[in-house]
Amino acid sequence: MSKFDLSNLDTVKGSNSGFDVELYNPATNEDTGIVITVLGKDSDRFQEISKKQNKKRMDRMSKTGFRSGKIAPPSQEEIEDNGLDLLAECTTGWRSQDGNTIPLDKKDVPFSVEAAKALYTRFPWIREQVDTAIGDRANFIKA
């Protein structure tokens, strides 16, 4: 029997456990001291949300497009909103050096899905770092 065991590469289990994204300053590449915890793209939550979004899109297309012969593709806004919702829903928490909040506009902001969505909307560089981390399966494989 081989010494290698595929269970060591269980990205679903790792994605469901989560990963801590350490935010770095996009200008200096320095650590900000802020950590955002996310689920991976192989997580049950990510898959559930993706399926719901796809079902909604297909339902709309079947009602409007297939019967008339005009299939309406999703708008750019809908695609971006779906992506933003997916990232926010796969975010499970955050923290800074001072505790379970992050500093923003001279306030300590506690985690919520709504706060995550607002953060990712306001700061595209944070959204990009989180999106990259969620999509990188290597982050969800325990060494």
C-alpha atoms as a PDB file:
ATOM      1  CA  MET A   1       0.000   0.000   0.000  1.00  0.00           C
ATOM      2  CA  SER A   2       1.248   3.467  -0.885  1.00  0.00           C
ATOM      3  CA  LYS A   3       2.337   5.796   1.903  1.00  0.00           C
ATOM      4  CA  PHE A   4       0.450   8.640   0.266  1.00  0.00           C
ATOM      5  CA  ASP A   5      -3.153   8.986   1.396  1.00  0.00           C
ATOM      6  CA  LEU A   6      -5.621  11.095  -0.601  1.00  0.00           C
ATOM      7  CA  SER A   7      -7.429  12.071   2.598  1.00  0.00           C
ATOM      8  CA  ASN A   8      -4.498  14.431   3.205  1.00  0.00           C
ATOM      9  CA  LEU A   9      -5.810  16.440   0.236  1.00  0.00           C
ATOM     10  CA  ASP A  10      -9.429  16.696   1.401  1.00  0.00           C
ATOM     11  CA  THR A  11     -10.186  20.221   0.261  1.00  0.00           C
ATOM     12  CA  VAL A  12     -13.853  19.921   1.221  1.00  0.00           C
ATOM     13  CA  LYS A  13     -12.984  19.245   4.856  1.00  0.00           C
ATOM     14  CA  GLY A  14     -10.386  22.009   4.842  1.00  0.00           C
ATOM     15  CA  SER A  15     -12.727  24.442   3.077  1.00  0.00           C
ATOM     16  CA  ASN A  16     -15.412  23.791   5.687  1.00  0.00           C
ATOM     17  CA  SER A  17     -12.871  24.407   8.471  1.00  0.00           C
ATOM     18  CA  GLY A  18     -11.831  27.780   7.088  1.00  0.00           C
ATOM     19  CA  PHE A  19      -8.664  29.752   6.471  1.00  0.00           C
ATOM     20  CA  ASP A  20      -7.291  32.924   8.009  1.00  0.00           C
ATOM     21  CA  VAL A  21      -6.504  35.551   5.376  1.00  0.00           C
ATOM     22  CA  GLU A  22      -3.898  37.931   6.722  1.00  0.00           C
ATOM     23  CA  LEU A  23      -4.520  41.230   4.962  1.00  0.00           C
ATOM     24  CA  TYR A  24      -1.525  43.043   3.585  1.00  0.00           C
ATOM     25  CA  ASN A  25      -1.209  46.678   2.629  1.00  0.00           C
ATOM     26  CA  PRO A  26      -1.497  46.819  -1.182  1.00  0.00           C
ATOM     27  CA  ALA A  27       0.936  49.754  -1.376  1.00  0.00           C
ATOM     28  CA  THR A  28       3.708  48.397   0.879  1.00  0.00           C
ATOM     29  CA  ASN A  29       2.954  44.676   1.056  1.00  0.00           C
ATOM     30  CA  GLU A  30       3.211  44.936   4.850  1.00  0.00           C
ATOM     31  CA  ASP A  31       0.983  42.985   7.225  1.00  0.00           C
ATOM     32  CA  THR A  32      -1.947  45.112   8.451  1.00  0.00           C
ATOM     33  CA  GLY A  33      -2.581  43.021  11.554  1.00  0.00           C
ATOM     34  CA  ILE A  34      -6.100  42.277  10.317  1.00  0.00           C
ATOM     35  CA  VAL A  35      -7.224  38.697   9.726  1.00  0.00           C
ATOM     36  CA  ILE A  36     -10.394  37.648   7.898  1.00  0.00           C
ATOM     37  CA  THR A  37     -11.548  34.040   8.260  1.00  0.00           C
ATOM     38  CA  VAL A  38     -13.141  32.488   5.177  1.00  0.00           C
ATOM     39  CA  LEU A  39     -14.508  29.199   3.905  1.00  0.00           C
ATOM     40  CA  GLY A  40     -13.102  27.785   0.662  1.00  0.00           C
ATOM     41  CA  LYS A  41     -14.738  27.272  -2.696  1.00  0.00           C
ATOM     42  CA  ASP A  42     -15.100  23.556  -1.965  1.00  0.00           C
ATOM     43  CA  SER A  43     -17.019  24.259   1.269  1.00  0.00           C
ATOM     44  CA  ASP A  44     -20.625  23.202   1.665  1.00  0.00           C
ATOM     45  CA  ARG A  45     -21.613  26.855   2.164  1.00  0.00           C
ATOM     46  CA  PHE A  46     -19.915  28.065  -1.025  1.00  0.00           C
ATOM     47  CA  GLN A  47     -21.501  25.258  -3.039  1.00  0.00           C
ATOM     48  CA  GLU A  48     -24.946  25.890  -1.537  1.00  0.00           C
ATOM     49  CA  ILE A  49     -24.856  29.607  -2.336  1.00  0.00           C
ATOM     50  CA  SER A  50     -23.506  28.995  -5.855  1.00  0.00           C
ATOM     51  CA  LYS A  51     -26.289  26.519  -6.567  1.00  0.00           C
ATOM     52  CA  LYS A  52     -28.955  28.936  -5.300  1.00  0.00           C
ATOM     53  CA  GLN A  53     -27.573  31.748  -7.433  1.00  0.00           C
ATOM     54  CA  ASN A  54     -27.399  29.527 -10.515  1.00  0.00           C
ATOM     55  CA  LYS A  55     -30.929  28.211  -9.915  1.00  0.00           C
ATOM     56  CA  LYS A  56     -32.271  31.748  -9.610  1.00  0.00           C
ATOM     57  CA  ARG A  57     -30.515  32.721 -12.839  1.00  0.00           C
ATOM     58  CA  MET A  58     -31.798  29.639 -14.678  1.00  0.00           C
ATOM     59  CA  ASP A  59     -35.343  30.141 -13.374  1.00  0.00           C
ATOM     60  CA  ARG A  60     -35.334  33.728 -14.607  1.00  0.00           C
ATOM     61  CA  MET A  61     -33.947  32.678 -17.982  1.00  0.00           C
ATOM     62  CA  SER A  62     -36.513  29.925 -18.377  1.00  0.00           C
ATOM     63  CA  LYS A  63     -39.366  32.323 -17.624  1.00  0.00           C
ATOM     64  CA  THR A  64     -38.150  35.081 -19.905  1.00  0.00           C
ATOM     65  CA  GLY A  65     -35.909  33.559 -22.496  1.00  0.00           C
ATOM     66  CA  PHE A  66     -36.626  30.031 -23.502  1.00  0.00           C
ATOM     67  CA  ARG A  67     -40.267  30.637 -24.312  1.00  0.00           C
ATOM     68  CA  SER A  68     -39.671  33.777 -26.332  1.00  0.00           C
ATOM     69  CA  GLY A  69     -36.435  32.590 -27.907  1.00  0.00           C
ATOM     70  CA  LYS A  70     -34.607  35.487 -26.262  1.00  0.00           C
ATOM     71  CA  ILE A  71     -32.331  34.351 -23.493  1.00  0.00           C
ATOM     72  CA  ALA A  72     -31.420  37.292 -21.272  1.00  0.00           C
ATOM     73  CA  PRO A  73     -27.934  36.860 -19.871  1.00  0.00           C
ATOM     74  CA  PRO A  74     -27.241  38.154 -16.367  1.00  0.00           C
ATOM     75  CA  SER A  75     -26.233  41.791 -16.196  1.00  0.00           C
ATOM     76  CA  GLN A  76     -22.756  42.849 -15.141  1.00  0.00           C
ATOM     77  CA  GLU A  77     -24.297  44.268 -11.966  1.00  0.00           C
ATOM     78  CA  GLU A  78     -25.983  40.942 -11.159  1.00  0.00           C
ATOM     79  CA  ILE A  79     -22.733  39.046 -11.677  1.00  0.00           C
ATOM     80  CA  GLU A  80     -20.827  41.451  -9.416  1.00  0.00           C
ATOM     81  CA  ASP A  81     -23.558  41.387  -6.754  1.00  0.00           C
ATOM     82  CA  ASN A  82     -23.607  37.586  -6.788  1.00  0.00           C
ATOM     83  CA  GLY A  83     -19.834  37.486  -6.396  1.00  0.00           C
ATOM     84  CA  LEU A  84     -19.954  39.967  -3.543  1.00  0.00           C
ATOM     85  CA  ASP A  85     -22.732  38.038  -1.795  1.00  0.00           C
ATOM     86  CA  LEU A  86     -20.796  34.810  -2.180  1.00  0.00           C
ATOM     87  CA  LEU A  87     -17.640  36.290  -0.643  1.00  0.00           C
ATOM     88  CA  ALA A  88     -19.534  37.873   2.243  1.00  0.00           C
ATOM     89  CA  GLU A  89     -21.490  34.684   2.969  1.00  0.00           C
ATOM     90  CA  CYS A  90     -18.257  32.659   2.986  1.00  0.00           C
ATOM     91  CA  THR A  91     -16.658  35.039   5.465  1.00  0.00           C
ATOM     92  CA  THR A  92     -17.061  33.682   8.992  1.00  0.00           C
ATOM     93  CA  GLY A  93     -15.280  36.296  11.075  1.00  0.00           C
ATOM     94  CA  TRP A  94     -12.493  38.810  11.426  1.00  0.00           C
ATOM     95  CA  ARG A  95     -10.134  40.156  13.998  1.00  0.00           C
ATOM     96  CA  SER A  96      -7.380  42.659  14.535  1.00  0.00           C
ATOM     97  CA  GLN A  97      -4.659  42.876  17.131  1.00  0.00           C
ATOM     98  CA  ASP A  98      -7.202  44.490  19.467  1.00  0.00           C
ATOM     99  CA  GLY A  99      -9.781  41.694  19.382  1.00  0.00           C
ATOM    100  CA  ASN A 100     -12.729  40.444  17.357  1.00  0.00           C
ATOM    101  CA  THR A 101     -13.340  43.727  15.562  1.00  0.00           C
ATOM    102  CA  ILE A 102     -11.554  45.626  12.828  1.00  0.00           C
ATOM    103  CA  PRO A 103     -10.731  49.334  12.922  1.00  0.00           C
ATOM    104  CA  LEU A 104     -12.600  51.409  10.362  1.00  0.00           C
ATOM    105  CA  ASP A 105     -13.307  55.137  10.405  1.00  0.00           C
ATOM    106  CA  LYS A 106     -12.036  55.369  14.008  1.00  0.00           C
ATOM    107  CA  LYS A 107     -14.545  52.725  15.162  1.00  0.00           C
ATOM    108  CA  ASP A 108     -14.242  49.057  16.043  1.00  0.00           C
ATOM    109  CA  VAL A 109     -16.456  47.157  13.606  1.00  0.00           C
ATOM    110  CA  PRO A 110     -17.718  43.738  14.729  1.00  0.00           C
ATOM    111  CA  PHE A 111     -18.146  41.021  12.130  1.00  0.00           C
ATOM    112  CA  SER A 112     -21.422  40.424  10.327  1.00  0.00           C
ATOM    113  CA  VAL A 113     -22.155  39.285   6.792  1.00  0.00           C
ATOM    114  CA  GLU A 114     -23.595  42.744   6.070  1.00  0.00           C
ATOM    115  CA  ALA A 115     -20.438  44.429   7.412  1.00  0.00           C
ATOM    116  CA  ALA A 116     -18.293  42.099   5.279  1.00  0.00           C
ATOM    117  CA  LYS A 117     -20.285  43.004   2.173  1.00  0.00           C
ATOM    118  CA  ALA A 118     -19.878  46.706   2.940  1.00  0.00           C
ATOM    119  CA  LEU A 119     -16.139  46.252   3.545  1.00  0.00           C
ATOM    120  CA  TYR A 120     -15.637  44.370   0.263  1.00  0.00           C
ATOM    121  CA  THR A 121     -17.634  46.995  -1.606  1.00  0.00           C
ATOM    122  CA  ARG A 122     -15.690  49.909  -0.180  1.00  0.00           C
ATOM    123  CA  PHE A 123     -12.242  48.294  -0.413  1.00  0.00           C
ATOM    124  CA  PRO A 124     -11.752  46.371  -3.665  1.00  0.00           C
ATOM    125  CA  TRP A 125      -8.213  45.421  -2.621  1.00  0.00           C
ATOM    126  CA  ILE A 126      -9.587  43.565   0.426  1.00  0.00           C
ATOM    127  CA  ARG A 127     -12.212  41.893  -1.755  1.00  0.00           C
ATOM    128  CA  GLU A 128      -9.475  40.790  -4.151  1.00  0.00           C
ATOM    129  CA  GLN A 129      -7.297  39.328  -1.383  1.00  0.00           C
ATOM    130  CA  VAL A 130     -10.254  37.442   0.114  1.00  0.00           C
ATOM    131  CA  ASP A 131     -11.446  36.214  -3.289  1.00  0.00           C
ATOM    132  CA  THR A 132      -7.964  34.942  -4.135  1.00  0.00           C
ATOM    133  CA  ALA A 133      -7.685  33.125  -0.798  1.00  0.00           C
ATOM    134  CA  ILE A 134     -11.112  31.472  -1.130  1.00  0.00           C
ATOM    135  CA  GLY A 135     -10.229  30.196  -4.599  1.00  0.00           C
ATOM    136  CA  ASP A 136      -6.796  28.819  -3.684  1.00  0.00           C
ATOM    137  CA  ARG A 137      -7.295  25.189  -2.677  1.00  0.00           C
ATOM    138  CA  ALA A 138      -3.788  25.046  -1.227  1.00  0.00           C
ATOM    139  CA  ASN A 139      -5.016  27.276   1.619  1.00  0.00           C
ATOM    140  CA  PHE A 140      -7.430  24.558   2.697  1.00  0.00           C
ATOM    141  CA  ILE A 141      -5.063  21.598   2.744  1.00  0.00           C
ATOM    142  CA  LYS A 142      -3.521  20.988   6.114  1.00  0.00           C
ATOM    143  CA  ALA A 143       0.232  20.508   5.821  1.00  0.00           C
END
